[in-house]
Amino acid sequence: MRTNIVIDEELMHQAMKAAGARTKRETVEAGLKMLIRVYRQGEARKLRGTIHWEGNLDEARQGRLPV
């Protein structure tokens, strides 16, 4: 989708540096992806305590690499 918007130059420069992006497009896409990720995390947090899980956590962790 092609869209024209006015963005503060200094804000864009800082965002490009923070994202390690080479272009404005990469920067905007990285920002949109981060926004979606943060929103989804918030939605997942709303479920805390509402879902009952049964199982053995140690058993579920078998075969996983240590973090």
Protein backbone atom coordinates (compact mmCIF):
# COMPACT_ATOMS: atom_id res chain seq x y z
CA MET A 1 0.00 0.00 0.00
CA ARG A 2 1.38 3.39 -0.90
CA THR A 3 0.76 6.11 1.67
CA ASN A 4 2.19 9.60 2.03
CA ILE A 5 2.54 10.99 5.54
CA VAL A 6 4.48 13.78 7.21
CA ILE A 7 6.83 12.53 9.94
CA ASP A 8 9.17 14.61 12.08
CA GLU A 9 12.70 14.20 10.65
CA GLU A 10 14.43 13.86 14.02
CA LEU A 11 11.88 11.29 15.18
CA MET A 12 12.42 9.26 12.00
CA HIS A 13 16.21 9.52 12.37
CA GLN A 14 16.04 8.27 15.97
CA ALA A 15 13.65 5.46 15.01
CA MET A 16 15.88 4.36 12.13
CA LYS A 17 18.87 4.25 14.46
CA ALA A 18 16.96 2.39 17.18
CA ALA A 19 15.58 -0.16 14.71
CA GLY A 20 18.88 -0.56 12.89
CA ALA A 21 16.93 0.10 9.71
CA ARG A 22 18.50 1.41 6.51
CA THR A 23 15.35 2.92 5.04
CA LYS A 24 12.29 4.79 6.22
CA ARG A 25 10.12 1.98 4.92
CA GLU A 26 11.99 -0.61 7.00
CA THR A 27 11.63 1.68 10.00
CA VAL A 28 7.89 2.15 9.60
CA GLU A 29 7.33 -1.58 9.05
CA ALA A 30 9.41 -2.43 12.14
CA GLY A 31 7.38 0.06 14.17
CA LEU A 32 4.07 -1.37 12.96
CA LYS A 33 5.19 -4.92 13.74
CA MET A 34 6.28 -3.87 17.23
CA LEU A 35 2.93 -2.15 17.83
CA ILE A 36 1.06 -5.32 16.86
CA ARG A 37 3.33 -7.49 19.03
CA VAL A 38 2.84 -5.24 22.08
CA TYR A 39 -0.93 -5.18 21.55
CA ARG A 40 -1.09 -8.98 21.33
CA GLN A 41 0.97 -9.32 24.52
CA GLY A 42 -1.54 -7.12 26.31
CA GLU A 43 -4.40 -9.24 25.00
CA ALA A 44 -2.66 -12.40 26.22
CA ARG A 45 -2.14 -10.87 29.67
CA LYS A 46 -5.89 -10.37 29.99
CA LEU A 47 -6.24 -14.17 29.93
CA ARG A 48 -3.98 -14.64 32.97
CA GLY A 49 -5.76 -16.69 35.57
CA THR A 50 -8.70 -17.53 33.32
CA ILE A 51 -7.32 -20.68 31.72
CA HIS A 52 -6.86 -23.85 33.76
CA TRP A 53 -3.90 -25.99 32.73
CA GLU A 54 -3.31 -29.53 33.91
CA GLY A 55 -0.04 -31.28 33.35
CA ASN A 56 3.47 -31.84 34.56
CA LEU A 57 5.66 -28.83 33.84
CA ASP A 58 8.90 -30.81 34.26
CA GLU A 59 7.62 -33.39 31.79
CA ALA A 60 6.59 -30.70 29.33
CA ARG A 61 10.09 -29.22 29.48
CA GLN A 62 11.78 -32.53 28.56
CA GLY A 63 13.71 -32.28 25.36
CA ARG A 64 13.92 -28.48 25.43
CA LEU A 65 17.27 -26.78 25.36
CA PRO A 66 18.21 -24.88 28.54
CA VAL A 67 17.71 -21.14 28.29
